[in-house]
Amino acid sequence: DLIALRRAHPELRDPRLDAVHVEYDADAQWLVMHRGRIRVVTNLAD
């Protein structure tokens, strides 16, 4: 499903590093990667 999404959405194939932005809260243990209008949202907390 991840690879299919990468193929389907140009934002996920955009190679521009200066267009990538990452936010995080180390104490809360989350990180969000900005890819155009798509956000890869992660929660590493238990």
ModelCIF file with pLDDT and N, C-alpha, C, O atoms, coordinates in Angstrom:
data_MODEL
#
_entry.id   MODEL 
#
_entity.id                         1 
_entity.type                       polymer 
_entity.pdbx_number_of_molecules   1 
#
_entity_poly.entity_id                      1 
_entity_poly.type                           'polypeptide(L)' 
_entity_poly.nstd_linkage                   no 
_entity_poly.nstd_monomer                   no 
_entity_poly.pdbx_seq_one_letter_code       DLIALRRAHPELRDPRLDAVHVEYDADAQWLVMHRGRIRVVTNLAD 
_entity_poly.pdbx_seq_one_letter_code_can   DLIALRRAHPELRDPRLDAVHVEYDADAQWLVMHRGRIRVVTNLAD 
_entity_poly.pdbx_strand_id                 A 
#
loop_
_entity_poly_seq.entity_id 
_entity_poly_seq.num 
_entity_poly_seq.mon_id 
_entity_poly_seq.hetero 
1 1  ASP n 
1 2  LEU n 
1 3  ILE n 
1 4  ALA n 
1 5  LEU n 
1 6  ARG n 
1 7  ARG n 
1 8  ALA n 
1 9  HIS n 
1 10 PRO n 
1 11 GLU n 
1 12 LEU n 
1 13 ARG n 
1 14 ASP n 
1 15 PRO n 
1 16 ARG n 
1 17 LEU n 
1 18 ASP n 
1 19 ALA n 
1 20 VAL n 
1 21 HIS n 
1 22 VAL n 
1 23 GLU n 
1 24 TYR n 
1 25 ASP n 
1 26 ALA n 
1 27 ASP n 
1 28 ALA n 
1 29 GLN n 
1 30 TRP n 
1 31 LEU n 
1 32 VAL n 
1 33 MET n 
1 34 HIS n 
1 35 ARG n 
1 36 GLY n 
1 37 ARG n 
1 38 ILE n 
1 39 ARG n 
1 40 VAL n 
1 41 VAL n 
1 42 THR n 
1 43 ASN n 
1 44 LEU n 
1 45 ALA n 
1 46 ASP n 
#
_struct_asym.id          A 
_struct_asym.entity_id   1 
#
loop_
_ma_qa_metric.id 
_ma_qa_metric.mode 
_ma_qa_metric.name 
_ma_qa_metric.software_group_id 
_ma_qa_metric.type 
1 global pLDDT . pLDDT 
2 local  pLDDT . pLDDT 
#
_ma_qa_metric_global.metric_id      1 
_ma_qa_metric_global.metric_value   97.67 
_ma_qa_metric_global.model_id       1 
_ma_qa_metric_global.ordinal_id     1 
#
loop_
_ma_qa_metric_local.label_asym_id 
_ma_qa_metric_local.label_comp_id 
_ma_qa_metric_local.label_seq_id 
_ma_qa_metric_local.metric_id 
_ma_qa_metric_local.metric_value 
_ma_qa_metric_local.model_id 
_ma_qa_metric_local.ordinal_id 
A ASP 1  2 98.00 1 1  
A LEU 2  2 98.00 1 2  
A ILE 3  2 98.00 1 3  
A ALA 4  2 98.00 1 4  
A LEU 5  2 98.00 1 5  
A ARG 6  2 98.00 1 6  
A ARG 7  2 97.00 1 7  
A ALA 8  2 97.00 1 8  
A HIS 9  2 97.00 1 9  
A PRO 10 2 96.00 1 10 
A GLU 11 2 97.00 1 11 
A LEU 12 2 98.00 1 12 
A ARG 13 2 96.00 1 13 
A ASP 14 2 97.00 1 14 
A PRO 15 2 98.00 1 15 
A ARG 16 2 98.00 1 16 
A LEU 17 2 98.00 1 17 
A ASP 18 2 97.00 1 18 
A ALA 19 2 98.00 1 19 
A VAL 20 2 98.00 1 20 
A HIS 21 2 97.00 1 21 
A VAL 22 2 98.00 1 22 
A GLU 23 2 98.00 1 23 
A TYR 24 2 98.00 1 24 
A ASP 25 2 98.00 1 25 
A ALA 26 2 98.00 1 26 
A ASP 27 2 98.00 1 27 
A ALA 28 2 98.00 1 28 
A GLN 29 2 98.00 1 29 
A TRP 30 2 98.00 1 30 
A LEU 31 2 98.00 1 31 
A VAL 32 2 98.00 1 32 
A MET 33 2 98.00 1 33 
A HIS 34 2 98.00 1 34 
A ARG 35 2 98.00 1 35 
A GLY 36 2 97.00 1 36 
A ARG 37 2 97.00 1 37 
A ILE 38 2 98.00 1 38 
A ARG 39 2 98.00 1 39 
A VAL 40 2 98.00 1 40 
A VAL 41 2 98.00 1 41 
A THR 42 2 98.00 1 42 
A ASN 43 2 98.00 1 43 
A LEU 44 2 98.00 1 44 
A ALA 45 2 98.00 1 45 
A ASP 46 2 96.00 1 46 
#
loop_
_atom_site.group_PDB 
_atom_site.id 
_atom_site.type_symbol 
_atom_site.label_atom_id 
_atom_site.label_alt_id 
_atom_site.label_comp_id 
_atom_site.label_asym_id 
_atom_site.label_entity_id 
_atom_site.label_seq_id 
_atom_site.pdbx_PDB_ins_code 
_atom_site.Cartn_x 
_atom_site.Cartn_y 
_atom_site.Cartn_z 
_atom_site.occupancy 
_atom_site.B_iso_or_equiv 
_atom_site.pdbx_formal_charge 
_atom_site.auth_seq_id 
_atom_site.auth_comp_id 
_atom_site.auth_asym_id 
_atom_site.auth_atom_id 
_atom_site.pdbx_PDB_model_num 
ATOM 1   N N  . ASP A 1 1  ? 0.826  -1.211 0.000  1.00 98.00 ? 1  ASP A N  1 
ATOM 2   C CA . ASP A 1 1  ? 0.000  0.000  0.000  1.00 98.00 ? 1  ASP A CA 1 
ATOM 3   C C  . ASP A 1 1  ? 0.857  1.257  0.000  1.00 98.00 ? 1  ASP A C  1 
ATOM 4   O O  . ASP A 1 1  ? 0.520  2.236  -0.665 1.00 98.00 ? 1  ASP A O  1 
ATOM 5   N N  . LEU A 1 2  ? 1.968  1.239  0.745  1.00 98.00 ? 2  LEU A N  1 
ATOM 6   C CA . LEU A 1 2  ? 2.870  2.399  0.761  1.00 98.00 ? 2  LEU A CA 1 
ATOM 7   C C  . LEU A 1 2  ? 3.456  2.660  -0.627 1.00 98.00 ? 2  LEU A C  1 
ATOM 8   O O  . LEU A 1 2  ? 3.493  3.799  -1.092 1.00 98.00 ? 2  LEU A O  1 
ATOM 9   N N  . ILE A 1 3  ? 3.910  1.594  -1.279 1.00 98.00 ? 3  ILE A N  1 
ATOM 10  C CA . ILE A 1 3  ? 4.502  1.757  -2.609 1.00 98.00 ? 3  ILE A CA 1 
ATOM 11  C C  . ILE A 1 3  ? 3.452  2.201  -3.620 1.00 98.00 ? 3  ILE A C  1 
ATOM 12  O O  . ILE A 1 3  ? 3.745  3.006  -4.503 1.00 98.00 ? 3  ILE A O  1 
ATOM 13  N N  . ALA A 1 4  ? 2.232  1.683  -3.497 1.00 98.00 ? 4  ALA A N  1 
ATOM 14  C CA . ALA A 1 4  ? 1.145  2.105  -4.391 1.00 98.00 ? 4  ALA A CA 1 
ATOM 15  C C  . ALA A 1 4  ? 0.835  3.581  -4.200 1.00 98.00 ? 4  ALA A C  1 
ATOM 16  O O  . ALA A 1 4  ? 0.589  4.292  -5.174 1.00 98.00 ? 4  ALA A O  1 
ATOM 17  N N  . LEU A 1 5  ? 0.843  4.052  -2.947 1.00 98.00 ? 5  LEU A N  1 
ATOM 18  C CA . LEU A 1 5  ? 0.611  5.477  -2.689 1.00 98.00 ? 5  LEU A CA 1 
ATOM 19  C C  . LEU A 1 5  ? 1.725  6.328  -3.289 1.00 98.00 ? 5  LEU A C  1 
ATOM 20  O O  . LEU A 1 5  ? 1.472  7.397  -3.845 1.00 98.00 ? 5  LEU A O  1 
ATOM 21  N N  . ARG A 1 6  ? 2.949  5.847  -3.172 1.00 98.00 ? 6  ARG A N  1 
ATOM 22  C CA . ARG A 1 6  ? 4.081  6.593  -3.748 1.00 98.00 ? 6  ARG A CA 1 
ATOM 23  C C  . ARG A 1 6  ? 3.900  6.750  -5.249 1.00 98.00 ? 6  ARG A C  1 
ATOM 24  O O  . ARG A 1 6  ? 4.190  7.810  -5.805 1.00 98.00 ? 6  ARG A O  1 
ATOM 25  N N  . ARG A 1 7  ? 3.426  5.704  -5.905 1.00 97.00 ? 7  ARG A N  1 
ATOM 26  C CA . ARG A 1 7  ? 3.193  5.777  -7.350 1.00 97.00 ? 7  ARG A CA 1 
ATOM 27  C C  . ARG A 1 7  ? 2.026  6.692  -7.692 1.00 97.00 ? 7  ARG A C  1 
ATOM 28  O O  . ARG A 1 7  ? 2.042  7.369  -8.720 1.00 97.00 ? 7  ARG A O  1 
ATOM 29  N N  . ALA A 1 8  ? 1.019  6.711  -6.836 1.00 97.00 ? 8  ALA A N  1 
ATOM 30  C CA . ALA A 1 8  ? -0.222 7.422  -7.151 1.00 97.00 ? 8  ALA A CA 1 
ATOM 31  C C  . ALA A 1 8  ? -0.144 8.918  -6.884 1.00 97.00 ? 8  ALA A C  1 
ATOM 32  O O  . ALA A 1 8  ? -0.874 9.691  -7.504 1.00 97.00 ? 8  ALA A O  1 
ATOM 33  N N  . HIS A 1 9  ? 0.731  9.342  -5.969 1.00 97.00 ? 9  HIS A N  1 
ATOM 34  C CA . HIS A 1 9  ? 0.761  10.752 -5.556 1.00 97.00 ? 9  HIS A CA 1 
ATOM 35  C C  . HIS A 1 9  ? 2.095  11.393 -5.915 1.00 97.00 ? 9  HIS A C  1 
ATOM 36  O O  . HIS A 1 9  ? 3.126  11.015 -5.359 1.00 97.00 ? 9  HIS A O  1 
ATOM 37  N N  . PRO A 1 10 ? 2.096  12.351 -6.828 1.00 96.00 ? 10 PRO A N  1 
ATOM 38  C CA . PRO A 1 10 ? 3.343  13.016 -7.241 1.00 96.00 ? 10 PRO A CA 1 
ATOM 39  C C  . PRO A 1 10 ? 4.104  13.640 -6.074 1.00 96.00 ? 10 PRO A C  1 
ATOM 40  O O  . PRO A 1 10 ? 5.333  13.713 -6.109 1.00 96.00 ? 10 PRO A O  1 
ATOM 41  N N  . GLU A 1 11 ? 3.386  14.094 -5.032 1.00 97.00 ? 11 GLU A N  1 
ATOM 42  C CA . GLU A 1 11 ? 4.076  14.704 -3.892 1.00 97.00 ? 11 GLU A CA 1 
ATOM 43  C C  . GLU A 1 11 ? 5.087  13.744 -3.257 1.00 97.00 ? 11 GLU A C  1 
ATOM 44  O O  . GLU A 1 11 ? 6.144  14.161 -2.784 1.00 97.00 ? 11 GLU A O  1 
ATOM 45  N N  . LEU A 1 12 ? 4.746  12.458 -3.255 1.00 98.00 ? 12 LEU A N  1 
ATOM 46  C CA . LEU A 1 12 ? 5.626  11.481 -2.618 1.00 98.00 ? 12 LEU A CA 1 
ATOM 47  C C  . LEU A 1 12 ? 6.818  11.120 -3.497 1.00 98.00 ? 12 LEU A C  1 
ATOM 48  O O  . LEU A 1 12 ? 7.770  10.494 -3.031 1.00 98.00 ? 12 LEU A O  1 
ATOM 49  N N  . ARG A 1 13 ? 6.765  11.512 -4.760 1.00 96.00 ? 13 ARG A N  1 
ATOM 50  C CA . ARG A 1 13 ? 7.891  11.266 -5.670 1.00 96.00 ? 13 ARG A CA 1 
ATOM 51  C C  . ARG A 1 13 ? 8.706  12.529 -5.939 1.00 96.00 ? 13 ARG A C  1 
ATOM 52  O O  . ARG A 1 13 ? 9.677  12.492 -6.694 1.00 96.00 ? 13 ARG A O  1 
ATOM 53  N N  . ASP A 1 14 ? 8.318  13.639 -5.328 1.00 97.00 ? 14 ASP A N  1 
ATOM 54  C CA . ASP A 1 14 ? 9.004  14.914 -5.524 1.00 97.00 ? 14 ASP A CA 1 
ATOM 55  C C  . ASP A 1 14 ? 10.414 14.817 -4.947 1.00 97.00 ? 14 ASP A C  1 
ATOM 56  O O  . ASP A 1 14 ? 10.561 14.555 -3.753 1.00 97.00 ? 14 ASP A O  1 
ATOM 57  N N  . PRO A 1 15 ? 11.464 15.021 -5.763 1.00 98.00 ? 15 PRO A N  1 
ATOM 58  C CA . PRO A 1 15 ? 12.838 14.861 -5.276 1.00 98.00 ? 15 PRO A CA 1 
ATOM 59  C C  . PRO A 1 15 ? 13.429 16.102 -4.617 1.00 98.00 ? 15 PRO A C  1 
ATOM 60  O O  . PRO A 1 15 ? 14.583 16.076 -4.191 1.00 98.00 ? 15 PRO A O  1 
ATOM 61  N N  . ARG A 1 16 ? 12.664 17.188 -4.524 1.00 98.00 ? 16 ARG A N  1 
ATOM 62  C CA . ARG A 1 16 ? 13.234 18.442 -4.015 1.00 98.00 ? 16 ARG A CA 1 
ATOM 63  C C  . ARG A 1 16 ? 13.415 18.369 -2.501 1.00 98.00 ? 16 ARG A C  1 
ATOM 64  O O  . ARG A 1 16 ? 12.441 18.363 -1.748 1.00 98.00 ? 16 ARG A O  1 
ATOM 65  N N  . LEU A 1 17 ? 14.657 18.314 -2.073 1.00 98.00 ? 17 LEU A N  1 
ATOM 66  C CA . LEU A 1 17 ? 14.936 18.255 -0.642 1.00 98.00 ? 17 LEU A CA 1 
ATOM 67  C C  . LEU A 1 17 ? 14.541 19.542 0.066  1.00 98.00 ? 17 LEU A C  1 
ATOM 68  O O  . LEU A 1 17 ? 14.130 19.512 1.225  1.00 98.00 ? 17 LEU A O  1 
ATOM 69  N N  . ASP A 1 18 ? 14.665 20.679 -0.629 1.00 97.00 ? 18 ASP A N  1 
ATOM 70  C CA . ASP A 1 18 ? 14.313 21.938 0.017  1.00 97.00 ? 18 ASP A CA 1 
ATOM 71  C C  . ASP A 1 18 ? 12.811 22.117 0.161  1.00 97.00 ? 18 ASP A C  1 
ATOM 72  O O  . ASP A 1 18 ? 12.355 23.101 0.743  1.00 97.00 ? 18 ASP A O  1 
ATOM 73  N N  . ALA A 1 19 ? 12.026 21.159 -0.372 1.00 98.00 ? 19 ALA A N  1 
ATOM 74  C CA . ALA A 1 19 ? 10.577 21.188 -0.192 1.00 98.00 ? 19 ALA A CA 1 
ATOM 75  C C  . ALA A 1 19 ? 10.126 20.272 0.935  1.00 98.00 ? 19 ALA A C  1 
ATOM 76  O O  . ALA A 1 19 ? 8.940  20.228 1.263  1.00 98.00 ? 19 ALA A O  1 
ATOM 77  N N  . VAL A 1 20 ? 11.065 19.537 1.532  1.00 98.00 ? 20 VAL A N  1 
ATOM 78  C CA . VAL A 1 20 ? 10.735 18.623 2.634  1.00 98.00 ? 20 VAL A CA 1 
ATOM 79  C C  . VAL A 1 20 ? 10.924 19.356 3.956  1.00 98.00 ? 20 VAL A C  1 
ATOM 80  O O  . VAL A 1 20 ? 11.937 20.016 4.187  1.00 98.00 ? 20 VAL A O  1 
ATOM 81  N N  . HIS A 1 21 ? 9.920  19.221 4.814  1.00 97.00 ? 21 HIS A N  1 
ATOM 82  C CA . HIS A 1 21 ? 9.983  19.848 6.143  1.00 97.00 ? 21 HIS A CA 1 
ATOM 83  C C  . HIS A 1 21 ? 9.587  18.799 7.174  1.00 97.00 ? 21 HIS A C  1 
ATOM 84  O O  . HIS A 1 21 ? 8.670  18.011 6.941  1.00 97.00 ? 21 HIS A O  1 
ATOM 85  N N  . VAL A 1 22 ? 10.273 18.788 8.311  1.00 98.00 ? 22 VAL A N  1 
ATOM 86  C CA . VAL A 1 22 ? 9.990  17.810 9.363  1.00 98.00 ? 22 VAL A CA 1 
ATOM 87  C C  . VAL A 1 22 ? 9.774  18.530 10.686 1.00 98.00 ? 22 VAL A C  1 
ATOM 88  O O  . VAL A 1 22 ? 10.575 19.373 11.089 1.00 98.00 ? 22 VAL A O  1 
ATOM 89  N N  . GLU A 1 23 ? 8.670  18.182 11.360 1.00 98.00 ? 23 GLU A N  1 
ATOM 90  C CA . GLU A 1 23 ? 8.383  18.674 12.707 1.00 98.00 ? 23 GLU A CA 1 
ATOM 91  C C  . GLU A 1 23 ? 8.417  17.487 13.660 1.00 98.00 ? 23 GLU A C  1 
ATOM 92  O O  . GLU A 1 23 ? 8.126  16.361 13.258 1.00 98.00 ? 23 GLU A O  1 
ATOM 93  N N  . TYR A 1 24 ? 8.771  17.729 14.926 1.00 98.00 ? 24 TYR A N  1 
ATOM 94  C CA . TYR A 1 24 ? 8.795  16.640 15.888 1.00 98.00 ? 24 TYR A CA 1 
ATOM 95  C C  . TYR A 1 24 ? 8.698  17.186 17.305 1.00 98.00 ? 24 TYR A C  1 
ATOM 96  O O  . TYR A 1 24 ? 8.966  18.360 17.558 1.00 98.00 ? 24 TYR A O  1 
ATOM 97  N N  . ASP A 1 25 ? 8.315  16.320 18.207 1.00 98.00 ? 25 ASP A N  1 
ATOM 98  C CA . ASP A 1 25 ? 8.334  16.595 19.632 1.00 98.00 ? 25 ASP A CA 1 
ATOM 99  C C  . ASP A 1 25 ? 8.999  15.386 20.283 1.00 98.00 ? 25 ASP A C  1 
ATOM 100 O O  . ASP A 1 25 ? 8.379  14.334 20.434 1.00 98.00 ? 25 ASP A O  1 
ATOM 101 N N  . ALA A 1 26 ? 10.249 15.543 20.663 1.00 98.00 ? 26 ALA A N  1 
ATOM 102 C CA . ALA A 1 26 ? 11.003 14.413 21.198 1.00 98.00 ? 26 ALA A CA 1 
ATOM 103 C C  . ALA A 1 26 ? 10.416 13.910 22.505 1.00 98.00 ? 26 ALA A C  1 
ATOM 104 O O  . ALA A 1 26 ? 10.442 12.708 22.767 1.00 98.00 ? 26 ALA A O  1 
ATOM 105 N N  . ASP A 1 27 ? 9.890  14.803 23.328 1.00 98.00 ? 27 ASP A N  1 
ATOM 106 C CA . ASP A 1 27 ? 9.313  14.382 24.606 1.00 98.00 ? 27 ASP A CA 1 
ATOM 107 C C  . ASP A 1 27 ? 8.033  13.581 24.395 1.00 98.00 ? 27 ASP A C  1 
ATOM 108 O O  . ASP A 1 27 ? 7.803  12.571 25.060 1.00 98.00 ? 27 ASP A O  1 
ATOM 109 N N  . ALA A 1 28 ? 7.208  14.041 23.465 1.00 98.00 ? 28 ALA A N  1 
ATOM 110 C CA . ALA A 1 28 ? 5.948  13.339 23.180 1.00 98.00 ? 28 ALA A CA 1 
ATOM 111 C C  . ALA A 1 28 ? 6.160  12.146 22.247 1.00 98.00 ? 28 ALA A C  1 
ATOM 112 O O  . ALA A 1 28 ? 5.288  11.285 22.131 1.00 98.00 ? 28 ALA A O  1 
ATOM 113 N N  . GLN A 1 29 ? 7.298  12.095 21.596 1.00 98.00 ? 29 GLN A N  1 
ATOM 114 C CA . GLN A 1 29 ? 7.701  10.997 20.700 1.00 98.00 ? 29 GLN A CA 1 
ATOM 115 C C  . GLN A 1 29 ? 6.831  10.921 19.433 1.00 98.00 ? 29 GLN A C  1 
ATOM 116 O O  . GLN A 1 29 ? 6.343  9.854  19.063 1.00 98.00 ? 29 GLN A O  1 
ATOM 117 N N  . TRP A 1 30 ? 6.651  12.068 18.785 1.00 98.00 ? 30 TRP A N  1 
ATOM 118 C CA . TRP A 1 30 ? 6.009  12.049 17.471 1.00 98.00 ? 30 TRP A CA 1 
ATOM 119 C C  . TRP A 1 30 ? 6.851  12.841 16.475 1.00 98.00 ? 30 TRP A C  1 
ATOM 120 O O  . TRP A 1 30 ? 7.626  13.722 16.847 1.00 98.00 ? 30 TRP A O  1 
ATOM 121 N N  . LEU A 1 31 ? 6.676  12.502 15.207 1.00 98.00 ? 31 LEU A N  1 
ATOM 122 C CA . LEU A 1 31 ? 7.391  13.182 14.120 1.00 98.00 ? 31 LEU A CA 1 
ATOM 123 C C  . LEU A 1 31 ? 6.487  13.233 12.898 1.00 98.00 ? 31 LEU A C  1 
ATOM 124 O O  . LEU A 1 31 ? 5.809  12.257 12.578 1.00 98.00 ? 31 LEU A O  1 
ATOM 125 N N  . VAL A 1 32 ? 6.479  14.369 12.219 1.00 98.00 ? 32 VAL A N  1 
ATOM 126 C CA . VAL A 1 32 ? 5.660  14.550 11.013 1.00 98.00 ? 32 VAL A CA 1 
ATOM 127 C C  . VAL A 1 32 ? 6.564  15.028 9.873  1.00 98.00 ? 32 VAL A C  1 
ATOM 128 O O  . VAL A 1 32 ? 7.299  16.003 10.026 1.00 98.00 ? 32 VAL A O  1 
ATOM 129 N N  . MET A 1 33 ? 6.505  14.339 8.736  1.00 98.00 ? 33 MET A N  1 
ATOM 130 C CA . MET A 1 33 ? 7.266  14.728 7.544  1.00 98.00 ? 33 MET A CA 1 
ATOM 131 C C  . MET A 1 33 ? 6.307  15.298 6.508  1.00 98.00 ? 33 MET A C  1 
ATOM 132 O O  . MET A 1 33 ? 5.337  14.645 6.121  1.00 98.00 ? 33 MET A O  1 
ATOM 133 N N  . HIS A 1 34 ? 6.585  16.525 6.060  1.00 98.00 ? 34 HIS A N  1 
ATOM 134 C CA . HIS A 1 34 ? 5.749  17.218 5.077  1.00 98.00 ? 34 HIS A CA 1 
ATOM 135 C C  . HIS A 1 34 ? 6.178  16.838 3.672  1.00 98.00 ? 34 HIS A C  1 
ATOM 136 O O  . HIS A 1 34 ? 7.352  16.959 3.323  1.00 98.00 ? 34 HIS A O  1 
ATOM 137 N N  . ARG A 1 35 ? 5.222  16.375 2.858  1.00 98.00 ? 35 ARG A N  1 
ATOM 138 C CA . ARG A 1 35 ? 5.483  16.026 1.455  1.00 98.00 ? 35 ARG A CA 1 
ATOM 139 C C  . ARG A 1 35 ? 4.383  16.651 0.611  1.00 98.00 ? 35 ARG A C  1 
ATOM 140 O O  . ARG A 1 35 ? 3.405  15.991 0.257  1.00 98.00 ? 35 ARG A O  1 
ATOM 141 N N  . GLY A 1 36 ? 4.555  17.949 0.288  1.00 97.00 ? 36 GLY A N  1 
ATOM 142 C CA . GLY A 1 36 ? 3.492  18.661 -0.415 1.00 97.00 ? 36 GLY A CA 1 
ATOM 143 C C  . GLY A 1 36 ? 2.272  18.779 0.483  1.00 97.00 ? 36 GLY A C  1 
ATOM 144 O O  . GLY A 1 36 ? 2.366  19.273 1.606  1.00 97.00 ? 36 GLY A O  1 
ATOM 145 N N  . ARG A 1 37 ? 1.128  18.326 -0.013 1.00 97.00 ? 37 ARG A N  1 
ATOM 146 C CA . ARG A 1 37 ? -0.098 18.353 0.794  1.00 97.00 ? 37 ARG A CA 1 
ATOM 147 C C  . ARG A 1 37 ? -0.261 17.087 1.632  1.00 97.00 ? 37 ARG A C  1 
ATOM 148 O O  . ARG A 1 37 ? -1.263 16.929 2.330  1.00 97.00 ? 37 ARG A O  1 
ATOM 149 N N  . ILE A 1 38 ? 0.725  16.181 1.566  1.00 98.00 ? 38 ILE A N  1 
ATOM 150 C CA . ILE A 1 38 ? 0.647  14.936 2.332  1.00 98.00 ? 38 ILE A CA 1 
ATOM 151 C C  . ILE A 1 38 ? 1.574  15.030 3.539  1.00 98.00 ? 38 ILE A C  1 
ATOM 152 O O  . ILE A 1 38 ? 2.691  15.538 3.451  1.00 98.00 ? 38 ILE A O  1 
ATOM 153 N N  . ARG A 1 39 ? 1.083  14.529 4.661  1.00 98.00 ? 39 ARG A N  1 
ATOM 154 C CA . ARG A 1 39 ? 1.893  14.460 5.868  1.00 98.00 ? 39 ARG A CA 1 
ATOM 155 C C  . ARG A 1 39 ? 2.094  12.991 6.249  1.00 98.00 ? 39 ARG A C  1 
ATOM 156 O O  . ARG A 1 39 ? 1.132  12.229 6.341  1.00 98.00 ? 39 ARG A O  1 
ATOM 157 N N  . VAL A 1 40 ? 3.335  12.610 6.467  1.00 98.00 ? 40 VAL A N  1 
ATOM 158 C CA . VAL A 1 40 ? 3.634  11.295 7.016  1.00 98.00 ? 40 VAL A CA 1 
ATOM 159 C C  . VAL A 1 40 ? 3.718  11.480 8.530  1.00 98.00 ? 40 VAL A C  1 
ATOM 160 O O  . VAL A 1 40 ? 4.687  12.045 9.038  1.00 98.00 ? 40 VAL A O  1 
ATOM 161 N N  . VAL A 1 41 ? 2.708  11.007 9.243  1.00 98.00 ? 41 VAL A N  1 
ATOM 162 C CA . VAL A 1 41 ? 2.548  11.257 10.670 1.00 98.00 ? 41 VAL A CA 1 
ATOM 163 C C  . VAL A 1 41 ? 2.935  9.999  11.436 1.00 98.00 ? 41 VAL A C  1 
ATOM 164 O O  . VAL A 1 41 ? 2.432  8.915  11.144 1.00 98.00 ? 41 VAL A O  1 
ATOM 165 N N  . THR A 1 42 ? 3.818  10.135 12.408 1.00 98.00 ? 42 THR A N  1 
ATOM 166 C CA . THR A 1 42 ? 4.276  8.958  13.156 1.00 98.00 ? 42 THR A CA 1 
ATOM 167 C C  . THR A 1 42 ? 4.172  9.194  14.658 1.00 98.00 ? 42 THR A C  1 
ATOM 168 O O  . THR A 1 42 ? 4.453  10.289 15.147 1.00 98.00 ? 42 THR A O  1 
ATOM 169 N N  . ASN A 1 43 ? 3.768  8.164  15.377 1.00 98.00 ? 43 ASN A N  1 
ATOM 170 C CA . ASN A 1 43 ? 3.723  8.175  16.840 1.00 98.00 ? 43 ASN A CA 1 
ATOM 171 C C  . ASN A 1 43 ? 4.569  7.019  17.349 1.00 98.00 ? 43 ASN A C  1 
ATOM 172 O O  . ASN A 1 43 ? 4.179  5.859  17.217 1.00 98.00 ? 43 ASN A O  1 
ATOM 173 N N  . LEU A 1 44 ? 5.725  7.325  17.931 1.00 98.00 ? 44 LEU A N  1 
ATOM 174 C CA . LEU A 1 44 ? 6.607  6.289  18.442 1.00 98.00 ? 44 LEU A CA 1 
ATOM 175 C C  . LEU A 1 44 ? 6.353  5.973  19.906 1.00 98.00 ? 44 LEU A C  1 
ATOM 176 O O  . LEU A 1 44 ? 7.009  5.099  20.472 1.00 98.00 ? 44 LEU A O  1 
ATOM 177 N N  . ALA A 1 45 ? 5.413  6.668  20.526 1.00 98.00 ? 45 ALA A N  1 
ATOM 178 C CA . ALA A 1 45 ? 5.093  6.415  21.930 1.00 98.00 ? 45 ALA A CA 1 
ATOM 179 C C  . ALA A 1 45 ? 4.357  5.089  22.076 1.00 98.00 ? 45 ALA A C  1 
ATOM 180 O O  . ALA A 1 45 ? 3.738  4.608  21.128 1.00 98.00 ? 45 ALA A O  1 
ATOM 181 N N  . ASP A 1 46 ? 4.428  4.501  23.268 1.00 96.00 ? 46 ASP A N  1 
ATOM 182 C CA . ASP A 1 46 ? 3.769  3.217  23.502 1.00 96.00 ? 46 ASP A CA 1 
ATOM 183 C C  . ASP A 1 46 ? 2.328  3.386  23.964 1.00 96.00 ? 46 ASP A C  1 
ATOM 184 O O  . ASP A 1 46 ? 1.636  2.397  24.204 1.00 96.00 ? 46 ASP A O  1 
#
